[in-house]
Amino acid sequence: MTAFVIFWAILGVATLALALYRKFVTMHEDDYVHLSAGEERLIPQQLATFKRIGAIDRWGVTMTIVTVVLGLALAALYLYQIVLRQY
């Protein structure tokens, strides 16, 4: 069971690292929509940043769900083992 807990902890740290990476990407994000003729060169950069944040968000949601489900499964398994030892 220790190996599963270590895997779960590593998965949790990876999820937190992804959240930190998203924070760093959004720090450099331009919050204004550039539509005028002089700002055309900024549009591709905004689109690329938007796509990168979207990909990070998809992975973040997936990793968060997997981390929570695995943590709940480990907790249930641990409680099940405790109950078996008592009887």
PDB file of N, CA and C in Angstrom:
ATOM      1  N   MET A   1       0.824  -1.193   0.000  1.00  0.00           N
ATOM      2  CA  MET A   1       0.000   0.000   0.000  1.00  0.00           C
ATOM      3  C   MET A   1       0.871   1.261   0.000  1.00  0.00           C
ATOM      4  N   THR A   2       2.074   1.146   0.495  1.00  0.00           N
ATOM      5  CA  THR A   2       2.966   2.299   0.549  1.00  0.00           C
ATOM      6  C   THR A   2       3.298   2.801  -0.846  1.00  0.00           C
ATOM      7  N   ALA A   3       3.455   1.904  -1.789  1.00  0.00           N
ATOM      8  CA  ALA A   3       3.764   2.310  -3.155  1.00  0.00           C
ATOM      9  C   ALA A   3       2.616   3.131  -3.754  1.00  0.00           C
ATOM     10  N   PHE A   4       1.386   2.758  -3.449  1.00  0.00           N
ATOM     11  CA  PHE A   4       0.236   3.514  -3.951  1.00  0.00           C
ATOM     12  C   PHE A   4       0.172   4.905  -3.333  1.00  0.00           C
ATOM     13  N   VAL A   5       0.497   4.995  -2.061  1.00  0.00           N
ATOM     14  CA  VAL A   5       0.498   6.298  -1.388  1.00  0.00           C
ATOM     15  C   VAL A   5       1.589   7.186  -1.958  1.00  0.00           C
ATOM     16  N   ILE A   6       2.748   6.605  -2.226  1.00  0.00           N
ATOM     17  CA  ILE A   6       3.840   7.388  -2.832  1.00  0.00           C
ATOM     18  C   ILE A   6       3.439   7.856  -4.217  1.00  0.00           C
ATOM     19  N   PHE A   7       2.823   6.978  -5.013  1.00  0.00           N
ATOM     20  CA  PHE A   7       2.350   7.375  -6.342  1.00  0.00           C
ATOM     21  C   PHE A   7       1.325   8.491  -6.241  1.00  0.00           C
ATOM     22  N   TRP A   8       0.409   8.382  -5.272  1.00  0.00           N
ATOM     23  CA  TRP A   8      -0.616   9.406  -5.082  1.00  0.00           C
ATOM     24  C   TRP A   8       0.019  10.744  -4.691  1.00  0.00           C
ATOM     25  N   ALA A   9       1.019  10.703  -3.835  1.00  0.00           N
ATOM     26  CA  ALA A   9       1.707  11.930  -3.428  1.00  0.00           C
ATOM     27  C   ALA A   9       2.438  12.569  -4.611  1.00  0.00           C
ATOM     28  N   ILE A  10       3.077  11.759  -5.422  1.00  0.00           N
ATOM     29  CA  ILE A  10       3.766  12.284  -6.606  1.00  0.00           C
ATOM     30  C   ILE A  10       2.763  12.887  -7.573  1.00  0.00           C
ATOM     31  N   LEU A  11       1.632  12.235  -7.741  1.00  0.00           N
ATOM     32  CA  LEU A  11       0.583  12.763  -8.607  1.00  0.00           C
ATOM     33  C   LEU A  11       0.053  14.097  -8.071  1.00  0.00           C
ATOM     34  N   GLY A  12      -0.102  14.197  -6.762  1.00  0.00           N
ATOM     35  CA  GLY A  12      -0.539  15.448  -6.160  1.00  0.00           C
ATOM     36  C   GLY A  12       0.463  16.564  -6.357  1.00  0.00           C
ATOM     37  N   VAL A  13       1.742  16.263  -6.204  1.00  0.00           N
ATOM     38  CA  VAL A  13       2.785  17.268  -6.418  1.00  0.00           C
ATOM     39  C   VAL A  13       2.823  17.690  -7.881  1.00  0.00           C
ATOM     40  N   ALA A  14       2.644  16.740  -8.792  1.00  0.00           N
ATOM     41  CA  ALA A  14       2.611  17.074 -10.220  1.00  0.00           C
ATOM     42  C   ALA A  14       1.417  17.970 -10.548  1.00  0.00           C
ATOM     43  N   THR A  15       0.283  17.724  -9.905  1.00  0.00           N
ATOM     44  CA  THR A  15      -0.895  18.566 -10.108  1.00  0.00           C
ATOM     45  C   THR A  15      -0.636  19.979  -9.602  1.00  0.00           C
ATOM     46  N   LEU A  16      -0.014  20.086  -8.443  1.00  0.00           N
ATOM     47  CA  LEU A  16       0.335  21.406  -7.920  1.00  0.00           C
ATOM     48  C   LEU A  16       1.358  22.115  -8.802  1.00  0.00           C
ATOM     49  N   ALA A  17       2.318  21.370  -9.340  1.00  0.00           N
ATOM     50  CA  ALA A  17       3.315  21.955 -10.241  1.00  0.00           C
ATOM     51  C   ALA A  17       2.646  22.473 -11.512  1.00  0.00           C
ATOM     52  N   LEU A  18       1.664  21.751 -12.012  1.00  0.00           N
ATOM     53  CA  LEU A  18       0.932  22.201 -13.193  1.00  0.00           C
ATOM     54  C   LEU A  18       0.157  23.474 -12.892  1.00  0.00           C
ATOM     55  N   ALA A  19      -0.423  23.564 -11.706  1.00  0.00           N
ATOM     56  CA  ALA A  19      -1.129  24.787 -11.313  1.00  0.00           C
ATOM     57  C   ALA A  19      -0.165  25.962 -11.209  1.00  0.00           C
ATOM     58  N   LEU A  20       1.018  25.718 -10.697  1.00  0.00           N
ATOM     59  CA  LEU A  20       2.031  26.769 -10.605  1.00  0.00           C
ATOM     60  C   LEU A  20       2.493  27.194 -11.994  1.00  0.00           C
ATOM     61  N   TYR A  21       2.677  26.229 -12.894  1.00  0.00           N
ATOM     62  CA  TYR A  21       3.046  26.542 -14.276  1.00  0.00           C
ATOM     63  C   TYR A  21       1.971  27.393 -14.943  1.00  0.00           C
ATOM     64  N   ARG A  22       0.694  27.059 -14.695  1.00  0.00           N
ATOM     65  CA  ARG A  22      -0.396  27.857 -15.256  1.00  0.00           C
ATOM     66  C   ARG A  22      -0.343  29.290 -14.730  1.00  0.00           C
ATOM     67  N   LYS A  23      -0.018  29.430 -13.457  1.00  0.00           N
ATOM     68  CA  LYS A  23       0.095  30.759 -12.862  1.00  0.00           C
ATOM     69  C   LYS A  23       1.189  31.566 -13.551  1.00  0.00           C
ATOM     70  N   PHE A  24       2.326  30.935 -13.833  1.00  0.00           N
ATOM     71  CA  PHE A  24       3.408  31.637 -14.505  1.00  0.00           C
ATOM     72  C   PHE A  24       3.048  32.009 -15.939  1.00  0.00           C
ATOM     73  N   VAL A  25       2.318  31.140 -16.632  1.00  0.00           N
ATOM     74  CA  VAL A  25       1.899  31.440 -18.003  1.00  0.00           C
ATOM     75  C   VAL A  25       0.918  32.607 -18.011  1.00  0.00           C
ATOM     76  N   THR A  26      -0.010  32.620 -17.070  1.00  0.00           N
ATOM     77  CA  THR A  26      -1.011  33.693 -17.055  1.00  0.00           C
ATOM     78  C   THR A  26      -0.435  35.011 -16.552  1.00  0.00           C
ATOM     79  N   MET A  27       0.707  34.985 -15.881  1.00  0.00           N
ATOM     80  CA  MET A  27       1.340  36.237 -15.469  1.00  0.00           C
ATOM     81  C   MET A  27       1.784  37.048 -16.681  1.00  0.00           C
ATOM     82  N   HIS A  28       2.148  36.368 -17.750  1.00  0.00           N
ATOM     83  CA  HIS A  28       2.622  37.042 -18.961  1.00  0.00           C
ATOM     84  C   HIS A  28       1.514  37.236 -19.995  1.00  0.00           C
ATOM     85  N   GLU A  29       0.302  36.903 -19.606  1.00  0.00           N
ATOM     86  CA  GLU A  29      -0.833  37.020 -20.515  1.00  0.00           C
ATOM     87  C   GLU A  29      -1.262  38.481 -20.628  1.00  0.00           C
ATOM     88  N   ASP A  30      -1.618  38.872 -21.828  1.00  0.00           N
ATOM     89  CA  ASP A  30      -2.135  40.216 -22.067  1.00  0.00           C
ATOM     90  C   ASP A  30      -3.655  40.156 -21.926  1.00  0.00           C
ATOM     91  N   ASP A  31      -4.204  40.905 -20.983  1.00  0.00           N
ATOM     92  CA  ASP A  31      -5.624  40.814 -20.658  1.00  0.00           C
ATOM     93  C   ASP A  31      -6.525  41.598 -21.600  1.00  0.00           C
ATOM     94  N   TYR A  32      -5.959  42.389 -22.466  1.00  0.00           N
ATOM     95  CA  TYR A  32      -6.760  43.225 -23.358  1.00  0.00           C
ATOM     96  C   TYR A  32      -6.921  42.556 -24.723  1.00  0.00           C
ATOM     97  N   VAL A  33      -8.099  42.699 -25.312  1.00  0.00           N
ATOM     98  CA  VAL A  33      -8.355  42.174 -26.647  1.00  0.00           C
ATOM     99  C   VAL A  33      -7.899  43.230 -27.647  1.00  0.00           C
ATOM    100  N   HIS A  34      -6.991  42.859 -28.518  1.00  0.00           N
ATOM    101  CA  HIS A  34      -6.437  43.789 -29.492  1.00  0.00           C
ATOM    102  C   HIS A  34      -7.165  43.626 -30.820  1.00  0.00           C
ATOM    103  N   LEU A  35      -7.886  44.659 -31.214  1.00  0.00           N
ATOM    104  CA  LEU A  35      -8.678  44.596 -32.428  1.00  0.00           C
ATOM    105  C   LEU A  35      -8.325  45.684 -33.443  1.00  0.00           C
ATOM    106  N   SER A  36      -7.638  46.714 -33.031  1.00  0.00           N
ATOM    107  CA  SER A  36      -7.355  47.821 -33.950  1.00  0.00           C
ATOM    108  C   SER A  36      -6.261  47.425 -34.938  1.00  0.00           C
ATOM    109  N   ALA A  37      -6.128  48.224 -35.977  1.00  0.00           N
ATOM    110  CA  ALA A  37      -5.199  47.913 -37.058  1.00  0.00           C
ATOM    111  C   ALA A  37      -3.749  47.903 -36.584  1.00  0.00           C
ATOM    112  N   GLY A  38      -3.387  48.733 -35.641  1.00  0.00           N
ATOM    113  CA  GLY A  38      -2.011  48.786 -35.168  1.00  0.00           C
ATOM    114  C   GLY A  38      -1.632  47.645 -34.246  1.00  0.00           C
ATOM    115  N   GLU A  39      -2.606  46.915 -33.782  1.00  0.00           N
ATOM    116  CA  GLU A  39      -2.345  45.846 -32.826  1.00  0.00           C
ATOM    117  C   GLU A  39      -2.483  44.449 -33.438  1.00  0.00           C
ATOM    118  N   GLU A  40      -2.484  44.361 -34.751  1.00  0.00           N
ATOM    119  CA  GLU A  40      -2.672  43.064 -35.421  1.00  0.00           C
ATOM    120  C   GLU A  40      -1.572  42.070 -35.095  1.00  0.00           C
ATOM    121  N   ARG A  41      -0.382  42.551 -34.841  1.00  0.00           N
ATOM    122  CA  ARG A  41       0.746  41.650 -34.573  1.00  0.00           C
ATOM    123  C   ARG A  41       0.604  40.949 -33.222  1.00  0.00           C
ATOM    124  N   LEU A  42      -0.234  41.487 -32.335  1.00  0.00           N
ATOM    125  CA  LEU A  42      -0.404  40.902 -31.012  1.00  0.00           C
ATOM    126  C   LEU A  42      -1.447  39.786 -30.979  1.00  0.00           C
ATOM    127  N   ILE A  43      -2.294  39.726 -31.997  1.00  0.00           N
ATOM    128  CA  ILE A  43      -3.379  38.740 -32.016  1.00  0.00           C
ATOM    129  C   ILE A  43      -2.863  37.296 -32.039  1.00  0.00           C
ATOM    130  N   PRO A  44      -1.886  36.937 -32.897  1.00  0.00           N
ATOM    131  CA  PRO A  44      -1.395  35.541 -32.874  1.00  0.00           C
ATOM    132  C   PRO A  44      -0.776  35.147 -31.525  1.00  0.00           C
ATOM    133  N   GLN A  45      -0.105  36.095 -30.893  1.00  0.00           N
ATOM    134  CA  GLN A  45       0.484  35.807 -29.583  1.00  0.00           C
ATOM    135  C   GLN A  45      -0.607  35.549 -28.548  1.00  0.00           C
ATOM    136  N   GLN A  46      -1.679  36.325 -28.594  1.00  0.00           N
ATOM    137  CA  GLN A  46      -2.795  36.104 -27.673  1.00  0.00           C
ATOM    138  C   GLN A  46      -3.462  34.758 -27.922  1.00  0.00           C
ATOM    139  N   LEU A  47      -3.634  34.402 -29.182  1.00  0.00           N
ATOM    140  CA  LEU A  47      -4.244  33.108 -29.501  1.00  0.00           C
ATOM    141  C   LEU A  47      -3.381  31.948 -29.020  1.00  0.00           C
ATOM    142  N   ALA A  48      -2.066  32.067 -29.192  1.00  0.00           N
ATOM    143  CA  ALA A  48      -1.164  31.006 -28.742  1.00  0.00           C
ATOM    144  C   ALA A  48      -1.214  30.863 -27.221  1.00  0.00           C
ATOM    145  N   THR A  49      -1.237  31.973 -26.523  1.00  0.00           N
ATOM    146  CA  THR A  49      -1.322  31.928 -25.060  1.00  0.00           C
ATOM    147  C   THR A  49      -2.646  31.332 -24.618  1.00  0.00           C
ATOM    148  N   PHE A  50      -3.728  31.707 -25.299  1.00  0.00           N
ATOM    149  CA  PHE A  50      -5.049  31.172 -24.980  1.00  0.00           C
ATOM    150  C   PHE A  50      -5.091  29.660 -25.177  1.00  0.00           C
ATOM    151  N   LYS A  51      -4.497  29.172 -26.264  1.00  0.00           N
ATOM    152  CA  LYS A  51      -4.478  27.727 -26.517  1.00  0.00           C
ATOM    153  C   LYS A  51      -3.635  27.000 -25.475  1.00  0.00           C
ATOM    154  N   ARG A  52      -2.506  27.605 -25.087  1.00  0.00           N
ATOM    155  CA  ARG A  52      -1.645  26.982 -24.090  1.00  0.00           C
ATOM    156  C   ARG A  52      -2.369  26.882 -22.744  1.00  0.00           C
ATOM    157  N   ILE A  53      -3.053  27.957 -22.346  1.00  0.00           N
ATOM    158  CA  ILE A  53      -3.791  27.939 -21.085  1.00  0.00           C
ATOM    159  C   ILE A  53      -4.932  26.925 -21.144  1.00  0.00           C
ATOM    160  N   GLY A  54      -5.591  26.814 -22.299  1.00  0.00           N
ATOM    161  CA  GLY A  54      -6.658  25.826 -22.450  1.00  0.00           C
ATOM    162  C   GLY A  54      -6.146  24.402 -22.294  1.00  0.00           C
ATOM    163  N   ALA A  55      -4.984  24.117 -22.867  1.00  0.00           N
ATOM    164  CA  ALA A  55      -4.398  22.780 -22.734  1.00  0.00           C
ATOM    165  C   ALA A  55      -3.993  22.507 -21.286  1.00  0.00           C
ATOM    166  N   ILE A  56      -3.418  23.499 -20.643  1.00  0.00           N
ATOM    167  CA  ILE A  56      -3.030  23.337 -19.237  1.00  0.00           C
ATOM    168  C   ILE A  56      -4.264  23.089 -18.383  1.00  0.00           C
ATOM    169  N   ASP A  57      -5.340  23.811 -18.660  1.00  0.00           N
ATOM    170  CA  ASP A  57      -6.574  23.632 -17.890  1.00  0.00           C
ATOM    171  C   ASP A  57      -7.161  22.240 -18.067  1.00  0.00           C
ATOM    172  N   ARG A  58      -7.136  21.716 -19.298  1.00  0.00           N
ATOM    173  CA  ARG A  58      -7.659  20.364 -19.524  1.00  0.00           C
ATOM    174  C   ARG A  58      -6.853  19.340 -18.726  1.00  0.00           C
ATOM    175  N   TRP A  59      -5.534  19.436 -18.792  1.00  0.00           N
ATOM    176  CA  TRP A  59      -4.693  18.522 -18.031  1.00  0.00           C
ATOM    177  C   TRP A  59      -4.884  18.716 -16.535  1.00  0.00           C
ATOM    178  N   GLY A  60      -5.032  19.959 -16.120  1.00  0.00           N
ATOM    179  CA  GLY A  60      -5.220  20.245 -14.695  1.00  0.00           C
ATOM    180  C   GLY A  60      -6.489  19.636 -14.146  1.00  0.00           C
ATOM    181  N   VAL A  61      -7.580  19.771 -14.883  1.00  0.00           N
ATOM    182  CA  VAL A  61      -8.850  19.186 -14.439  1.00  0.00           C
ATOM    183  C   VAL A  61      -8.736  17.667 -14.384  1.00  0.00           C
ATOM    184  N   THR A  62      -8.152  17.078 -15.404  1.00  0.00           N
ATOM    185  CA  THR A  62      -8.004  15.615 -15.447  1.00  0.00           C
ATOM    186  C   THR A  62      -7.138  15.124 -14.290  1.00  0.00           C
ATOM    187  N   MET A  63      -6.001  15.784 -14.081  1.00  0.00           N
ATOM    188  CA  MET A  63      -5.106  15.358 -13.010  1.00  0.00           C
ATOM    189  C   MET A  63      -5.730  15.561 -11.633  1.00  0.00           C
ATOM    190  N   THR A  64      -6.495  16.629 -11.468  1.00  0.00           N
ATOM    191  CA  THR A  64      -7.153  16.877 -10.189  1.00  0.00           C
ATOM    192  C   THR A  64      -8.183  15.795  -9.896  1.00  0.00           C
ATOM    193  N   ILE A  65      -8.977  15.448 -10.898  1.00  0.00           N
ATOM    194  CA  ILE A  65      -9.991  14.401 -10.715  1.00  0.00           C
ATOM    195  C   ILE A  65      -9.332  13.061 -10.391  1.00  0.00           C
ATOM    196  N   VAL A  66      -8.280  12.714 -11.114  1.00  0.00           N
ATOM    197  CA  VAL A  66      -7.584  11.451 -10.864  1.00  0.00           C
ATOM    198  C   VAL A  66      -6.972  11.447  -9.466  1.00  0.00           C
ATOM    199  N   THR A  67      -6.376  12.564  -9.061  1.00  0.00           N
ATOM    200  CA  THR A  67      -5.762  12.647  -7.737  1.00  0.00           C
ATOM    201  C   THR A  67      -6.802  12.482  -6.629  1.00  0.00           C
ATOM    202  N   VAL A  68      -7.934  13.145  -6.775  1.00  0.00           N
ATOM    203  CA  VAL A  68      -8.983  13.059  -5.753  1.00  0.00           C
ATOM    204  C   VAL A  68      -9.575  11.656  -5.711  1.00  0.00           C
ATOM    205  N   VAL A  69      -9.884  11.073  -6.857  1.00  0.00           N
ATOM    206  CA  VAL A  69     -10.468   9.728  -6.892  1.00  0.00           C
ATOM    207  C   VAL A  69      -9.490   8.707  -6.320  1.00  0.00           C
ATOM    208  N   LEU A  70      -8.217   8.819  -6.686  1.00  0.00           N
ATOM    209  CA  LEU A  70      -7.224   7.886  -6.147  1.00  0.00           C
ATOM    210  C   LEU A  70      -7.061   8.075  -4.639  1.00  0.00           C
ATOM    211  N   GLY A  71      -7.089   9.304  -4.173  1.00  0.00           N
ATOM    212  CA  GLY A  71      -6.993   9.556  -2.737  1.00  0.00           C
ATOM    213  C   GLY A  71      -8.170   8.979  -1.987  1.00  0.00           C
ATOM    214  N   LEU A  72      -9.368   9.139  -2.529  1.00  0.00           N
ATOM    215  CA  LEU A  72     -10.556   8.553  -1.888  1.00  0.00           C
ATOM    216  C   LEU A  72     -10.506   7.030  -1.900  1.00  0.00           C
ATOM    217  N   ALA A  73     -10.021   6.458  -2.988  1.00  0.00           N
ATOM    218  CA  ALA A  73      -9.896   5.000  -3.062  1.00  0.00           C
ATOM    219  C   ALA A  73      -8.876   4.490  -2.046  1.00  0.00           C
ATOM    220  N   LEU A  74      -7.762   5.208  -1.900  1.00  0.00           N
ATOM    221  CA  LEU A  74      -6.766   4.799  -0.906  1.00  0.00           C
ATOM    222  C   LEU A  74      -7.321   4.911   0.508  1.00  0.00           C
ATOM    223  N   ALA A  75      -8.080   5.970   0.781  1.00  0.00           N
ATOM    224  CA  ALA A  75      -8.686   6.129   2.100  1.00  0.00           C
ATOM    225  C   ALA A  75      -9.688   5.017   2.372  1.00  0.00           C
ATOM    226  N   ALA A  76     -10.497   4.669   1.375  1.00  0.00           N
ATOM    227  CA  ALA A  76     -11.468   3.580   1.542  1.00  0.00           C
ATOM    228  C   ALA A  76     -10.753   2.248   1.768  1.00  0.00           C
ATOM    229  N   LEU A  77      -9.682   2.012   1.032  1.00  0.00           N
ATOM    230  CA  LEU A  77      -8.916   0.775   1.211  1.00  0.00           C
ATOM    231  C   LEU A  77      -8.293   0.717   2.598  1.00  0.00           C
ATOM    232  N   TYR A  78      -7.778   1.829   3.070  1.00  0.00           N
ATOM    233  CA  TYR A  78      -7.190   1.880   4.403  1.00  0.00           C
ATOM    234  C   TYR A  78      -8.240   1.599   5.483  1.00  0.00           C
ATOM    235  N   LEU A  79      -9.396   2.231   5.356  1.00  0.00           N
ATOM    236  CA  LEU A  79     -10.470   1.996   6.322  1.00  0.00           C
ATOM    237  C   LEU A  79     -10.960   0.551   6.257  1.00  0.00           C
ATOM    238  N   TYR A  80     -11.017  -0.015   5.064  1.00  0.00           N
ATOM    239  CA  TYR A  80     -11.432  -1.405   4.905  1.00  0.00           C
ATOM    240  C   TYR A  80     -10.449  -2.345   5.611  1.00  0.00           C
ATOM    241  N   GLN A  81      -9.158  -2.048   5.485  1.00  0.00           N
ATOM    242  CA  GLN A  81      -8.152  -2.872   6.163  1.00  0.00           C
ATOM    243  C   GLN A  81      -8.280  -2.772   7.684  1.00  0.00           C
ATOM    244  N   ILE A  82      -8.587  -1.587   8.171  1.00  0.00           N
ATOM    245  CA  ILE A  82      -8.784  -1.406   9.623  1.00  0.00           C
ATOM    246  C   ILE A  82      -9.976  -2.219  10.103  1.00  0.00           C
ATOM    247  N   VAL A  83     -11.053  -2.189   9.358  1.00  0.00           N
ATOM    248  CA  VAL A  83     -12.249  -2.950   9.731  1.00  0.00           C
ATOM    249  C   VAL A  83     -11.964  -4.443   9.706  1.00  0.00           C
ATOM    250  N   LEU A  84     -11.221  -4.923   8.728  1.00  0.00           N
ATOM    251  CA  LEU A  84     -10.899  -6.355   8.650  1.00  0.00           C
ATOM    252  C   LEU A  84     -10.038  -6.795   9.835  1.00  0.00           C
ATOM    253  N   ARG A  85      -9.149  -5.950  10.291  1.00  0.00           N
ATOM    254  CA  ARG A  85      -8.282  -6.310  11.411  1.00  0.00           C
ATOM    255  C   ARG A  85      -9.055  -6.413  12.730  1.00  0.00           C
ATOM    256  N   GLN A  86     -10.135  -5.680  12.833  1.00  0.00           N
ATOM    257  CA  GLN A  86     -10.909  -5.692  14.060  1.00  0.00           C
ATOM    258  C   GLN A  86     -11.780  -6.945  14.169  1.00  0.00           C
ATOM    259  N   TYR A  87     -12.104  -7.542  13.081  1.00  0.00           N
ATOM    260  CA  TYR A  87     -13.003  -8.714  13.107  1.00  0.00           C
ATOM    261  C   TYR A  87     -12.289  -9.958  12.803  1.00  0.00           C
TER     262      TYR A  87
END
